[in-house]
Amino acid sequence: MRSSAWVTVVAFCVMVAGILVLPGKVFSTSPVNATPEMLKQMEGEFMKAAAEKGSQGYMSYYADDAVEVPNGAALIQGKINIAKGMGFLDDKNNSLLWTPVGADISSSGDLGYTYGTFEFHSKDKDGKPVIDYGKYTSIWKKQVDGSWKVVLDMGNASPAPKK
């Protein structure tokens, strides 16, 4: 009878622990609710990382399975393949600046997007400054570890803004 009471107590404790812990694991959301403003702030951090650390800083915001949709070129799949084309960010004569104009987050809180404008500053073969303008859209996804990474990025050219 004594072992039967022990089994009952253990079973009760396991059941209570399951009721208290399991729903939090199954239905948990991030402690901080994702907001469009959070994604815009992350865009600023993303740009700062690119400016300070070049291609490595830029690529640190991409998910391993990210997809790049470049203007006038074929899709590039995977962070490793995308990184192969980002070496231009390591040249101190080049600068990529962007401004998020809008953002939104899915109702599930694990997917979001940003869009905005960009400027790419470089120098031509004669050393004269050149600025290319464009617009972009980035899709962000919350990762298993709770971080947010770009899973799809696309951009295309625009004329210079009117002054």
C-alpha atoms as a PDB file:
ATOM      1  CA  MET A   1       0.000   0.000   0.000  1.00  0.00           C
ATOM      2  CA  ARG A   2       2.872   2.328   0.780  1.00  0.00           C
ATOM      3  CA  SER A   3       4.340   2.092  -2.772  1.00  0.00           C
ATOM      4  CA  SER A   4       0.866   2.700  -4.196  1.00  0.00           C
ATOM      5  CA  ALA A   5       0.601   5.996  -2.280  1.00  0.00           C
ATOM      6  CA  TRP A   6       4.091   6.968  -3.497  1.00  0.00           C
ATOM      7  CA  VAL A   7       3.097   6.290  -7.128  1.00  0.00           C
ATOM      8  CA  THR A   8      -0.054   8.386  -6.664  1.00  0.00           C
ATOM      9  CA  VAL A   9       1.946  11.325  -5.248  1.00  0.00           C
ATOM     10  CA  VAL A  10       4.506  11.137  -8.079  1.00  0.00           C
ATOM     11  CA  ALA A  11       1.764  10.892 -10.710  1.00  0.00           C
ATOM     12  CA  PHE A  12      -0.013  13.886  -9.178  1.00  0.00           C
ATOM     13  CA  CYS A  13       3.223  15.942  -9.183  1.00  0.00           C
ATOM     14  CA  VAL A  14       3.937  15.047 -12.817  1.00  0.00           C
ATOM     15  CA  MET A  15       0.379  15.991 -13.782  1.00  0.00           C
ATOM     16  CA  VAL A  16       0.582  19.362 -11.978  1.00  0.00           C
ATOM     17  CA  ALA A  17       3.986  20.090 -13.541  1.00  0.00           C
ATOM     18  CA  GLY A  18       2.567  19.234 -16.957  1.00  0.00           C
ATOM     19  CA  ILE A  19      -0.382  21.549 -16.467  1.00  0.00           C
ATOM     20  CA  LEU A  20       1.860  24.421 -15.359  1.00  0.00           C
ATOM     21  CA  VAL A  21       4.804  24.002 -17.732  1.00  0.00           C
ATOM     22  CA  LEU A  22       3.623  22.344 -20.935  1.00  0.00           C
ATOM     23  CA  PRO A  23       1.102  24.954 -22.104  1.00  0.00           C
ATOM     24  CA  GLY A  24       3.784  27.614 -21.824  1.00  0.00           C
ATOM     25  CA  LYS A  25       6.103  25.576 -24.035  1.00  0.00           C
ATOM     26  CA  VAL A  26       3.477  24.684 -26.621  1.00  0.00           C
ATOM     27  CA  PHE A  27       1.753  28.045 -26.871  1.00  0.00           C
ATOM     28  CA  SER A  28       4.539  30.415 -25.864  1.00  0.00           C
ATOM     29  CA  THR A  29       5.250  33.607 -27.699  1.00  0.00           C
ATOM     30  CA  SER A  30       8.304  35.745 -27.245  1.00  0.00           C
ATOM     31  CA  PRO A  31       8.424  37.616 -23.950  1.00  0.00           C
ATOM     32  CA  VAL A  32       8.456  40.834 -25.964  1.00  0.00           C
ATOM     33  CA  ASN A  33       5.623  41.125 -28.444  1.00  0.00           C
ATOM     34  CA  ALA A  34       7.002  41.799 -31.888  1.00  0.00           C
ATOM     35  CA  THR A  35       5.925  45.113 -33.378  1.00  0.00           C
ATOM     36  CA  PRO A  36       6.458  46.874 -36.690  1.00  0.00           C
ATOM     37  CA  GLU A  37       8.565  49.468 -34.831  1.00  0.00           C
ATOM     38  CA  MET A  38      10.788  46.668 -33.508  1.00  0.00           C
ATOM     39  CA  LEU A  39      11.467  45.531 -37.086  1.00  0.00           C
ATOM     40  CA  LYS A  40      12.265  49.096 -38.141  1.00  0.00           C
ATOM     41  CA  GLN A  41      14.674  49.364 -35.215  1.00  0.00           C
ATOM     42  CA  MET A  42      16.290  46.086 -36.257  1.00  0.00           C
ATOM     43  CA  GLU A  43      16.741  47.515 -39.768  1.00  0.00           C
ATOM     44  CA  GLY A  44      18.774  50.332 -38.190  1.00  0.00           C
ATOM     45  CA  GLU A  45      20.905  47.834 -36.277  1.00  0.00           C
ATOM     46  CA  PHE A  46      21.284  45.777 -39.470  1.00  0.00           C
ATOM     47  CA  MET A  47      22.537  48.823 -41.409  1.00  0.00           C
ATOM     48  CA  LYS A  48      24.935  49.751 -38.596  1.00  0.00           C
ATOM     49  CA  ALA A  49      26.376  46.210 -38.587  1.00  0.00           C
ATOM     50  CA  ALA A  50      26.921  46.430 -42.351  1.00  0.00           C
ATOM     51  CA  ALA A  51      28.629  49.830 -42.030  1.00  0.00           C
ATOM     52  CA  GLU A  52      30.894  48.712 -39.186  1.00  0.00           C
ATOM     53  CA  LYS A  53      31.656  45.113 -40.168  1.00  0.00           C
ATOM     54  CA  GLY A  54      31.052  45.005 -43.908  1.00  0.00           C
ATOM     55  CA  SER A  55      29.699  41.838 -45.458  1.00  0.00           C
ATOM     56  CA  GLN A  56      30.011  39.822 -42.242  1.00  0.00           C
ATOM     57  CA  GLY A  57      27.925  42.344 -40.316  1.00  0.00           C
ATOM     58  CA  TYR A  58      25.372  42.430 -43.116  1.00  0.00           C
ATOM     59  CA  MET A  59      25.112  38.655 -43.407  1.00  0.00           C
ATOM     60  CA  SER A  60      24.738  38.223 -39.634  1.00  0.00           C
ATOM     61  CA  TYR A  61      21.112  39.313 -40.086  1.00  0.00           C
ATOM     62  CA  TYR A  62      20.311  36.614 -42.657  1.00  0.00           C
ATOM     63  CA  ALA A  63      18.828  33.195 -41.872  1.00  0.00           C
ATOM     64  CA  ASP A  64      20.759  30.191 -43.168  1.00  0.00           C
ATOM     65  CA  ASP A  65      17.954  29.386 -45.629  1.00  0.00           C
ATOM     66  CA  ALA A  66      17.454  32.987 -46.812  1.00  0.00           C
ATOM     67  CA  VAL A  67      16.637  33.863 -50.404  1.00  0.00           C
ATOM     68  CA  GLU A  68      17.868  36.956 -52.247  1.00  0.00           C
ATOM     69  CA  VAL A  69      15.845  38.299 -55.191  1.00  0.00           C
ATOM     70  CA  PRO A  70      18.298  40.663 -56.903  1.00  0.00           C
ATOM     71  CA  ASN A  71      17.276  43.260 -59.458  1.00  0.00           C
ATOM     72  CA  GLY A  72      17.563  41.783 -62.964  1.00  0.00           C
ATOM     73  CA  ALA A  73      19.262  38.561 -61.861  1.00  0.00           C
ATOM     74  CA  ALA A  74      18.419  34.992 -60.842  1.00  0.00           C
ATOM     75  CA  LEU A  75      17.333  34.038 -57.317  1.00  0.00           C
ATOM     76  CA  ILE A  76      20.130  33.297 -54.871  1.00  0.00           C
ATOM     77  CA  GLN A  77      19.271  30.640 -52.301  1.00  0.00           C
ATOM     78  CA  GLY A  78      21.045  30.152 -48.992  1.00  0.00           C
ATOM     79  CA  LYS A  79      23.070  32.456 -46.791  1.00  0.00           C
ATOM     80  CA  ILE A  80      26.372  30.980 -47.983  1.00  0.00           C
ATOM     81  CA  ASN A  81      25.545  31.681 -51.630  1.00  0.00           C
ATOM     82  CA  ILE A  82      24.216  35.169 -50.896  1.00  0.00           C
ATOM     83  CA  ALA A  83      27.388  36.015 -48.949  1.00  0.00           C
ATOM     84  CA  LYS A  84      29.519  35.261 -52.029  1.00  0.00           C
ATOM     85  CA  GLY A  85      28.145  38.389 -53.690  1.00  0.00           C
ATOM     86  CA  MET A  86      28.396  40.745 -50.713  1.00  0.00           C
ATOM     87  CA  GLY A  87      32.153  41.372 -50.690  1.00  0.00           C
ATOM     88  CA  PHE A  88      31.563  44.868 -52.135  1.00  0.00           C
ATOM     89  CA  LEU A  89      30.453  45.878 -48.617  1.00  0.00           C
ATOM     90  CA  ASP A  90      34.028  45.322 -47.417  1.00  0.00           C
ATOM     91  CA  ASP A  91      35.324  48.097 -49.692  1.00  0.00           C
ATOM     92  CA  LYS A  92      35.467  51.338 -47.649  1.00  0.00           C
ATOM     93  CA  ASN A  93      34.636  53.288 -50.843  1.00  0.00           C
ATOM     94  CA  ASN A  94      31.199  51.648 -50.808  1.00  0.00           C
ATOM     95  CA  SER A  95      28.335  52.431 -48.498  1.00  0.00           C
ATOM     96  CA  LEU A  96      24.854  50.925 -48.450  1.00  0.00           C
ATOM     97  CA  LEU A  97      22.270  53.016 -46.621  1.00  0.00           C
ATOM     98  CA  TRP A  98      18.600  52.227 -46.294  1.00  0.00           C
ATOM     99  CA  THR A  99      15.550  53.663 -44.621  1.00  0.00           C
ATOM    100  CA  PRO A 100      12.557  51.570 -43.645  1.00  0.00           C
ATOM    101  CA  VAL A 101       9.346  53.313 -44.656  1.00  0.00           C
ATOM    102  CA  GLY A 102       6.884  50.686 -43.470  1.00  0.00           C
ATOM    103  CA  ALA A 103       6.686  47.415 -41.587  1.00  0.00           C
ATOM    104  CA  ASP A 104       4.158  44.944 -40.262  1.00  0.00           C
ATOM    105  CA  ILE A 105       4.026  41.749 -38.199  1.00  0.00           C
ATOM    106  CA  SER A 106       1.783  38.731 -38.729  1.00  0.00           C
ATOM    107  CA  SER A 107      -0.955  38.079 -36.174  1.00  0.00           C
ATOM    108  CA  SER A 108       0.982  34.958 -35.097  1.00  0.00           C
ATOM    109  CA  GLY A 109       3.935  37.211 -34.207  1.00  0.00           C
ATOM    110  CA  ASP A 110       6.582  35.127 -35.974  1.00  0.00           C
ATOM    111  CA  LEU A 111       6.737  36.691 -39.440  1.00  0.00           C
ATOM    112  CA  GLY A 112       7.085  40.286 -40.527  1.00  0.00           C
ATOM    113  CA  TYR A 113       8.200  42.509 -43.349  1.00  0.00           C
ATOM    114  CA  THR A 114       9.851  45.843 -43.897  1.00  0.00           C
ATOM    115  CA  TYR A 115      10.093  47.979 -46.987  1.00  0.00           C
ATOM    116  CA  GLY A 116      11.774  51.213 -47.830  1.00  0.00           C
ATOM    117  CA  THR A 117      14.362  52.982 -49.917  1.00  0.00           C
ATOM    118  CA  PHE A 118      18.103  52.571 -50.270  1.00  0.00           C
ATOM    119  CA  GLU A 119      21.159  54.389 -51.554  1.00  0.00           C
ATOM    120  CA  PHE A 120      24.360  52.699 -52.632  1.00  0.00           C
ATOM    121  CA  HIS A 121      27.338  55.067 -52.590  1.00  0.00           C
ATOM    122  CA  SER A 122      30.447  54.046 -54.535  1.00  0.00           C
ATOM    123  CA  LYS A 123      33.071  55.503 -56.868  1.00  0.00           C
ATOM    124  CA  ASP A 124      33.344  55.041 -60.600  1.00  0.00           C
ATOM    125  CA  LYS A 125      36.557  54.003 -62.400  1.00  0.00           C
ATOM    126  CA  ASP A 126      37.732  57.624 -62.310  1.00  0.00           C
ATOM    127  CA  GLY A 127      37.167  57.916 -58.560  1.00  0.00           C
ATOM    128  CA  LYS A 128      34.100  60.109 -58.882  1.00  0.00           C
ATOM    129  CA  PRO A 129      31.244  59.510 -56.427  1.00  0.00           C
ATOM    130  CA  VAL A 130      28.246  57.570 -57.743  1.00  0.00           C
ATOM    131  CA  ILE A 131      24.926  57.039 -55.985  1.00  0.00           C
ATOM    132  CA  ASP A 132      22.469  54.339 -57.037  1.00  0.00           C
ATOM    133  CA  TYR A 133      18.935  54.558 -55.656  1.00  0.00           C
ATOM    134  CA  GLY A 134      16.344  51.869 -55.108  1.00  0.00           C
ATOM    135  CA  LYS A 135      13.662  50.345 -52.961  1.00  0.00           C
ATOM    136  CA  TYR A 136      13.609  47.101 -51.020  1.00  0.00           C
ATOM    137  CA  THR A 137      11.410  44.629 -49.221  1.00  0.00           C
ATOM    138  CA  SER A 138      12.703  42.281 -46.538  1.00  0.00           C
ATOM    139  CA  ILE A 139      10.760  39.460 -44.946  1.00  0.00           C
ATOM    140  CA  TRP A 140      11.791  38.645 -41.398  1.00  0.00           C
ATOM    141  CA  LYS A 141      11.114  35.427 -39.511  1.00  0.00           C
ATOM    142  CA  LYS A 142      11.436  34.685 -35.827  1.00  0.00           C
ATOM    143  CA  GLN A 143      13.980  31.903 -35.367  1.00  0.00           C
ATOM    144  CA  VAL A 144      13.862  28.990 -32.933  1.00  0.00           C
ATOM    145  CA  ASP A 145      16.226  30.842 -30.579  1.00  0.00           C
ATOM    146  CA  GLY A 146      13.883  33.873 -30.510  1.00  0.00           C
ATOM    147  CA  SER A 147      16.028  36.070 -32.756  1.00  0.00           C
ATOM    148  CA  TRP A 148      14.702  37.610 -35.952  1.00  0.00           C
ATOM    149  CA  LYS A 149      16.469  37.017 -39.284  1.00  0.00           C
ATOM    150  CA  VAL A 150      15.866  38.049 -42.883  1.00  0.00           C
ATOM    151  CA  VAL A 151      14.507  35.082 -44.850  1.00  0.00           C
ATOM    152  CA  LEU A 152      13.807  36.902 -48.113  1.00  0.00           C
ATOM    153  CA  ASP A 153      15.255  40.140 -49.408  1.00  0.00           C
ATOM    154  CA  MET A 154      14.609  41.910 -52.678  1.00  0.00           C
ATOM    155  CA  GLY A 155      15.470  45.251 -54.142  1.00  0.00           C
ATOM    156  CA  ASN A 156      15.205  47.110 -57.401  1.00  0.00           C
ATOM    157  CA  ALA A 157      16.507  50.311 -58.908  1.00  0.00           C
ATOM    158  CA  SER A 158      14.740  53.658 -58.723  1.00  0.00           C
ATOM    159  CA  PRO A 159      15.501  57.000 -60.295  1.00  0.00           C
ATOM    160  CA  ALA A 160      17.226  59.596 -58.136  1.00  0.00           C
ATOM    161  CA  PRO A 161      14.760  61.343 -55.852  1.00  0.00           C
ATOM    162  CA  LYS A 162      13.495  64.727 -56.979  1.00  0.00           C
ATOM    163  CA  LYS A 163      15.033  67.592 -55.088  1.00  0.00           C
END
